Amino acid sequence: MATTKIRKGDTVKVIAGRDKGKTGRVLEVQGEAGRLLVEGVMMVKRHTKANPAKQIKGGIAEKEGTIHVSNVMVMTGDGKASRVGYKIEGTGASAKKVRVARKNGEVLASKS
């Protein structure tokens, strides 16, 4: 899976798995693996050993784990989950391909 329609910074809703119903912002997209790192979703515990030389405190650290891209949907401006489609805006050389929400046709935020 090389490409995904979800980008870093998108707000997504989890539609399957142990965190079903939660929403969060995408922190990282792992395109080749088809996985996402979503803020506050799929929290995992890591036991870390103290290392004073690197200023690492020991104990149990909690951080986000990855979730498969098929288990999330993009949230639109009005708070509804939607699939993502594409639409060509403009004509000729000035035409741009933009992401749109399938549910209501709303243009999703671009990279800029």
N, C-alpha and C. Protein backbone atom coordinates (compact mmCIF):
# COMPACT_ATOMS: atom_id res chain seq x y z
N MET A 1 0.85 -1.17 0.00
CA MET A 1 0.00 0.00 0.00
C MET A 1 0.90 1.24 0.00
N ALA A 2 1.01 1.89 -1.13
CA ALA A 2 1.95 3.00 -1.26
C ALA A 2 1.34 4.34 -0.89
N THR A 3 0.08 4.57 -1.22
CA THR A 3 -0.52 5.87 -0.95
C THR A 3 -1.75 5.73 -0.07
N THR A 4 -2.05 6.82 0.61
CA THR A 4 -3.24 6.85 1.45
C THR A 4 -3.92 8.20 1.27
N LYS A 5 -5.22 8.22 1.42
CA LYS A 5 -5.97 9.46 1.23
C LYS A 5 -6.00 10.30 2.50
N ILE A 6 -5.44 9.79 3.57
CA ILE A 6 -5.40 10.51 4.84
C ILE A 6 -4.01 11.11 5.01
N ARG A 7 -3.97 12.36 5.47
CA ARG A 7 -2.69 13.07 5.61
C ARG A 7 -2.44 13.47 7.06
N LYS A 8 -1.19 13.78 7.33
CA LYS A 8 -0.79 14.28 8.65
C LYS A 8 -1.58 15.55 8.96
N GLY A 9 -2.13 15.64 10.17
CA GLY A 9 -2.89 16.82 10.57
C GLY A 9 -4.39 16.66 10.42
N ASP A 10 -4.85 15.65 9.66
CA ASP A 10 -6.29 15.40 9.52
C ASP A 10 -6.87 14.94 10.87
N THR A 11 -8.12 15.28 11.11
CA THR A 11 -8.83 14.75 12.27
C THR A 11 -9.60 13.53 11.79
N VAL A 12 -9.39 12.41 12.49
CA VAL A 12 -10.02 11.16 12.07
C VAL A 12 -10.82 10.55 13.22
N LYS A 13 -11.77 9.68 12.84
CA LYS A 13 -12.58 8.94 13.81
C LYS A 13 -12.29 7.46 13.62
N VAL A 14 -12.07 6.76 14.72
CA VAL A 14 -11.80 5.32 14.67
C VAL A 14 -13.13 4.59 14.50
N ILE A 15 -13.23 3.74 13.47
CA ILE A 15 -14.48 3.05 13.18
C ILE A 15 -14.43 1.56 13.50
N ALA A 16 -13.24 1.06 13.88
CA ALA A 16 -13.12 -0.36 14.23
C ALA A 16 -11.96 -0.55 15.19
N GLY A 17 -12.05 -1.59 16.01
CA GLY A 17 -10.98 -1.91 16.95
C GLY A 17 -11.34 -1.52 18.37
N ARG A 18 -10.36 -1.64 19.25
CA ARG A 18 -10.62 -1.43 20.67
C ARG A 18 -10.91 0.02 21.02
N ASP A 19 -10.51 0.96 20.17
CA ASP A 19 -10.75 2.38 20.42
C ASP A 19 -11.86 2.94 19.54
N LYS A 20 -12.77 2.08 19.10
CA LYS A 20 -13.86 2.50 18.22
C LYS A 20 -14.63 3.68 18.83
N GLY A 21 -14.86 4.71 18.00
CA GLY A 21 -15.60 5.88 18.45
C GLY A 21 -14.72 7.05 18.85
N LYS A 22 -13.44 6.81 19.13
CA LYS A 22 -12.53 7.89 19.51
C LYS A 22 -12.14 8.72 18.30
N THR A 23 -11.84 10.00 18.54
CA THR A 23 -11.34 10.86 17.47
C THR A 23 -9.98 11.41 17.88
N GLY A 24 -9.19 11.75 16.89
CA GLY A 24 -7.87 12.31 17.17
C GLY A 24 -7.24 12.85 15.90
N ARG A 25 -6.12 13.56 16.10
CA ARG A 25 -5.39 14.17 14.99
C ARG A 25 -4.29 13.21 14.55
N VAL A 26 -4.09 13.10 13.24
CA VAL A 26 -3.05 12.22 12.70
C VAL A 26 -1.69 12.87 12.94
N LEU A 27 -0.80 12.14 13.65
CA LEU A 27 0.54 12.64 13.95
C LEU A 27 1.55 12.21 12.92
N GLU A 28 1.34 11.02 12.35
CA GLU A 28 2.30 10.46 11.39
C GLU A 28 1.59 9.49 10.47
N VAL A 29 1.99 9.47 9.20
CA VAL A 29 1.45 8.53 8.23
C VAL A 29 2.59 7.63 7.77
N GLN A 30 2.41 6.33 7.95
CA GLN A 30 3.39 5.35 7.48
C GLN A 30 2.82 4.72 6.23
N GLY A 31 3.08 5.35 5.08
CA GLY A 31 2.45 4.99 3.82
C GLY A 31 2.69 3.58 3.36
N GLU A 32 3.92 3.11 3.41
CA GLU A 32 4.24 1.77 2.92
C GLU A 32 3.56 0.69 3.75
N ALA A 33 3.45 0.93 5.05
CA ALA A 33 2.82 -0.05 5.94
C ALA A 33 1.31 0.13 5.98
N GLY A 34 0.80 1.28 5.51
CA GLY A 34 -0.63 1.54 5.53
C GLY A 34 -1.15 1.79 6.93
N ARG A 35 -0.32 2.41 7.77
CA ARG A 35 -0.70 2.62 9.16
C ARG A 35 -0.56 4.09 9.54
N LEU A 36 -1.29 4.48 10.60
CA LEU A 36 -1.30 5.86 11.06
C LEU A 36 -0.99 5.91 12.54
N LEU A 37 -0.40 7.02 12.97
CA LEU A 37 -0.20 7.30 14.39
C LEU A 37 -1.19 8.40 14.73
N VAL A 38 -2.20 8.08 15.55
CA VAL A 38 -3.27 9.02 15.86
C VAL A 38 -3.18 9.41 17.34
N GLU A 39 -3.29 10.71 17.60
CA GLU A 39 -3.17 11.25 18.95
C GLU A 39 -4.24 10.66 19.88
N GLY A 40 -3.80 10.01 20.97
CA GLY A 40 -4.71 9.48 21.98
C GLY A 40 -5.40 8.18 21.62
N VAL A 41 -4.97 7.52 20.55
CA VAL A 41 -5.61 6.29 20.10
C VAL A 41 -4.57 5.16 20.11
N MET A 42 -5.01 3.94 20.45
CA MET A 42 -4.14 2.75 20.52
C MET A 42 -2.96 2.97 21.47
N MET A 43 -3.27 3.43 22.67
CA MET A 43 -2.22 3.68 23.65
C MET A 43 -1.62 2.35 24.11
N VAL A 44 -0.28 2.30 24.12
CA VAL A 44 0.45 1.11 24.54
C VAL A 44 1.42 1.50 25.66
N LYS A 45 1.73 0.54 26.51
CA LYS A 45 2.64 0.79 27.62
C LYS A 45 4.01 0.22 27.28
N ARG A 46 5.05 0.98 27.56
CA ARG A 46 6.42 0.54 27.33
C ARG A 46 7.18 0.63 28.65
N HIS A 47 7.80 -0.47 29.05
CA HIS A 47 8.61 -0.48 30.27
C HIS A 47 10.01 -0.03 29.90
N THR A 48 10.46 1.06 30.50
CA THR A 48 11.77 1.60 30.15
C THR A 48 12.70 1.53 31.35
N LYS A 49 13.94 1.22 31.06
CA LYS A 49 14.97 1.15 32.08
C LYS A 49 15.60 2.53 32.21
N ALA A 50 15.90 2.97 33.41
CA ALA A 50 16.51 4.28 33.63
C ALA A 50 17.92 4.32 33.03
N ASN A 51 18.24 5.44 32.38
CA ASN A 51 19.57 5.65 31.82
C ASN A 51 19.97 7.10 32.11
N PRO A 52 20.62 7.34 33.25
CA PRO A 52 20.96 8.71 33.64
C PRO A 52 21.86 9.43 32.63
N ALA A 53 22.68 8.69 31.89
CA ALA A 53 23.58 9.31 30.90
C ALA A 53 22.79 9.99 29.78
N LYS A 54 21.62 9.45 29.44
CA LYS A 54 20.79 10.01 28.36
C LYS A 54 19.56 10.73 28.91
N GLN A 55 19.53 11.00 30.23
CA GLN A 55 18.41 11.66 30.89
C GLN A 55 17.08 10.95 30.64
N ILE A 56 17.10 9.63 30.70
CA ILE A 56 15.88 8.85 30.53
C ILE A 56 15.45 8.32 31.89
N LYS A 57 14.20 8.66 32.28
CA LYS A 57 13.67 8.15 33.54
C LYS A 57 13.10 6.76 33.32
N GLY A 58 13.27 5.92 34.32
CA GLY A 58 12.74 4.58 34.23
C GLY A 58 11.27 4.56 34.61
N GLY A 59 10.60 3.47 34.30
CA GLY A 59 9.20 3.31 34.66
C GLY A 59 8.38 2.85 33.48
N ILE A 60 7.07 3.06 33.59
CA ILE A 60 6.16 2.63 32.53
C ILE A 60 5.71 3.86 31.76
N ALA A 61 6.09 3.93 30.51
CA ALA A 61 5.72 5.06 29.65
C ALA A 61 4.56 4.64 28.76
N GLU A 62 3.62 5.57 28.56
CA GLU A 62 2.47 5.28 27.70
C GLU A 62 2.58 6.15 26.45
N LYS A 63 2.45 5.53 25.29
CA LYS A 63 2.51 6.28 24.04
C LYS A 63 1.56 5.67 23.02
N GLU A 64 1.37 6.39 21.90
CA GLU A 64 0.46 5.93 20.86
C GLU A 64 1.09 4.81 20.04
N GLY A 65 0.26 3.84 19.69
CA GLY A 65 0.66 2.80 18.76
C GLY A 65 0.01 3.09 17.42
N THR A 66 0.40 2.38 16.39
CA THR A 66 -0.18 2.63 15.06
C THR A 66 -1.51 1.91 14.90
N ILE A 67 -2.31 2.43 14.00
CA ILE A 67 -3.61 1.85 13.67
C ILE A 67 -3.70 1.78 12.15
N HIS A 68 -4.34 0.74 11.64
CA HIS A 68 -4.42 0.58 10.19
C HIS A 68 -5.34 1.63 9.59
N VAL A 69 -4.98 2.10 8.41
CA VAL A 69 -5.70 3.19 7.74
C VAL A 69 -7.16 2.81 7.43
N SER A 70 -7.45 1.53 7.28
CA SER A 70 -8.82 1.10 6.98
C SER A 70 -9.74 1.20 8.19
N ASN A 71 -9.17 1.40 9.37
CA ASN A 71 -9.96 1.47 10.59
C ASN A 71 -10.32 2.90 11.01
N VAL A 72 -10.04 3.88 10.15
CA VAL A 72 -10.36 5.27 10.46
C VAL A 72 -11.07 5.93 9.29
N MET A 73 -11.84 7.00 9.61
CA MET A 73 -12.49 7.82 8.59
C MET A 73 -12.19 9.28 8.91
N VAL A 74 -12.05 10.10 7.89
CA VAL A 74 -11.78 11.52 8.06
C VAL A 74 -13.02 12.23 8.58
N MET A 75 -12.83 13.17 9.50
CA MET A 75 -13.93 13.97 10.04
C MET A 75 -14.07 15.24 9.20
N THR A 76 -15.31 15.60 8.88
CA THR A 76 -15.57 16.83 8.13
C THR A 76 -15.74 17.99 9.12
N GLY A 77 -15.91 19.19 8.60
CA GLY A 77 -16.06 20.38 9.43
C GLY A 77 -17.26 20.33 10.35
N ASP A 78 -18.32 19.64 9.92
CA ASP A 78 -19.53 19.57 10.75
C ASP A 78 -19.52 18.36 11.70
N GLY A 79 -18.37 17.70 11.84
CA GLY A 79 -18.22 16.63 12.82
C GLY A 79 -18.70 15.27 12.40
N LYS A 80 -18.90 15.04 11.10
CA LYS A 80 -19.33 13.74 10.61
C LYS A 80 -18.17 13.01 9.95
N ALA A 81 -18.14 11.70 10.11
CA ALA A 81 -17.11 10.88 9.48
C ALA A 81 -17.47 10.65 8.02
N SER A 82 -16.47 10.70 7.16
CA SER A 82 -16.71 10.56 5.73
C SER A 82 -15.54 9.87 5.05
N ARG A 83 -15.84 9.24 3.91
CA ARG A 83 -14.78 8.73 3.07
C ARG A 83 -14.16 9.90 2.31
N VAL A 84 -13.03 9.67 1.67
CA VAL A 84 -12.34 10.74 0.95
C VAL A 84 -12.34 10.44 -0.53
N GLY A 85 -12.65 11.46 -1.32
CA GLY A 85 -12.59 11.35 -2.77
C GLY A 85 -11.76 12.49 -3.32
N TYR A 86 -11.64 12.54 -4.62
CA TYR A 86 -10.87 13.60 -5.27
C TYR A 86 -11.73 14.29 -6.31
N LYS A 87 -11.44 15.56 -6.54
CA LYS A 87 -12.16 16.35 -7.52
C LYS A 87 -11.16 17.29 -8.18
N ILE A 88 -11.31 17.54 -9.48
CA ILE A 88 -10.46 18.48 -10.19
C ILE A 88 -11.11 19.86 -10.14
N GLU A 89 -10.38 20.84 -9.59
CA GLU A 89 -10.88 22.21 -9.53
C GLU A 89 -10.10 23.06 -10.53
N GLY A 90 -10.82 23.86 -11.29
CA GLY A 90 -10.17 24.70 -12.30
C GLY A 90 -10.11 23.99 -13.63
N THR A 91 -9.57 24.70 -14.62
CA THR A 91 -9.46 24.12 -15.96
C THR A 91 -8.07 24.37 -16.52
N GLY A 92 -7.68 23.55 -17.48
CA GLY A 92 -6.41 23.73 -18.17
C GLY A 92 -5.22 23.56 -17.25
N ALA A 93 -4.23 24.47 -17.43
CA ALA A 93 -2.99 24.38 -16.67
C ALA A 93 -3.18 24.72 -15.20
N SER A 94 -4.22 25.47 -14.87
CA SER A 94 -4.44 25.87 -13.48
C SER A 94 -5.29 24.86 -12.70
N ALA A 95 -5.59 23.72 -13.30
CA ALA A 95 -6.41 22.71 -12.64
C ALA A 95 -5.66 22.08 -11.46
N LYS A 96 -6.37 21.88 -10.36
CA LYS A 96 -5.77 21.26 -9.18
C LYS A 96 -6.65 20.11 -8.71
N LYS A 97 -5.99 19.05 -8.26
CA LYS A 97 -6.69 17.90 -7.71
C LYS A 97 -6.83 18.14 -6.20
N VAL A 98 -8.05 18.18 -5.70
CA VAL A 98 -8.28 18.44 -4.28
C VAL A 98 -9.02 17.27 -3.64
N ARG A 99 -8.80 17.08 -2.35
CA ARG A 99 -9.50 16.04 -1.60
C ARG A 99 -10.86 16.58 -1.15
N VAL A 100 -11.89 15.77 -1.30
CA VAL A 100 -13.23 16.17 -0.87
C VAL A 100 -13.85 15.06 -0.02
N ALA A 101 -14.73 15.46 0.90
CA ALA A 101 -15.47 14.50 1.71
C ALA A 101 -16.59 13.95 0.86
N ARG A 102 -16.75 12.64 0.82
CA ARG A 102 -17.78 12.01 0.01
C ARG A 102 -19.18 12.30 0.55
N LYS A 103 -19.29 12.47 1.87
CA LYS A 103 -20.60 12.63 2.49
C LYS A 103 -21.29 13.93 2.07
N ASN A 104 -20.53 15.05 2.05
CA ASN A 104 -21.17 16.34 1.76
C ASN A 104 -20.45 17.17 0.71
N GLY A 105 -19.40 16.65 0.10
CA GLY A 105 -18.68 17.36 -0.95
C GLY A 105 -17.77 18.47 -0.47
N GLU A 106 -17.60 18.57 0.85
CA GLU A 106 -16.74 19.61 1.44
C GLU A 106 -15.28 19.37 1.06
N VAL A 107 -14.58 20.45 0.67
CA VAL A 107 -13.17 20.35 0.32
C VAL A 107 -12.37 20.24 1.63
N LEU A 108 -11.53 19.22 1.73
CA LEU A 108 -10.72 19.00 2.93
C LEU A 108 -9.47 19.87 2.86
N ALA A 109 -8.96 20.25 4.00
CA ALA A 109 -7.80 21.14 4.09
C ALA A 109 -6.62 20.56 3.32
N SER A 110 -5.89 21.43 2.63
CA SER A 110 -4.72 21.00 1.86
C SER A 110 -3.47 21.12 2.71
N LYS A 111 -2.33 20.74 2.16
CA LYS A 111 -1.05 20.73 2.87
C LYS A 111 -0.60 22.13 3.31
N SER A 112 -0.91 23.13 2.53
CA SER A 112 -0.38 24.48 2.77
C SER A 112 -0.73 25.06 4.07
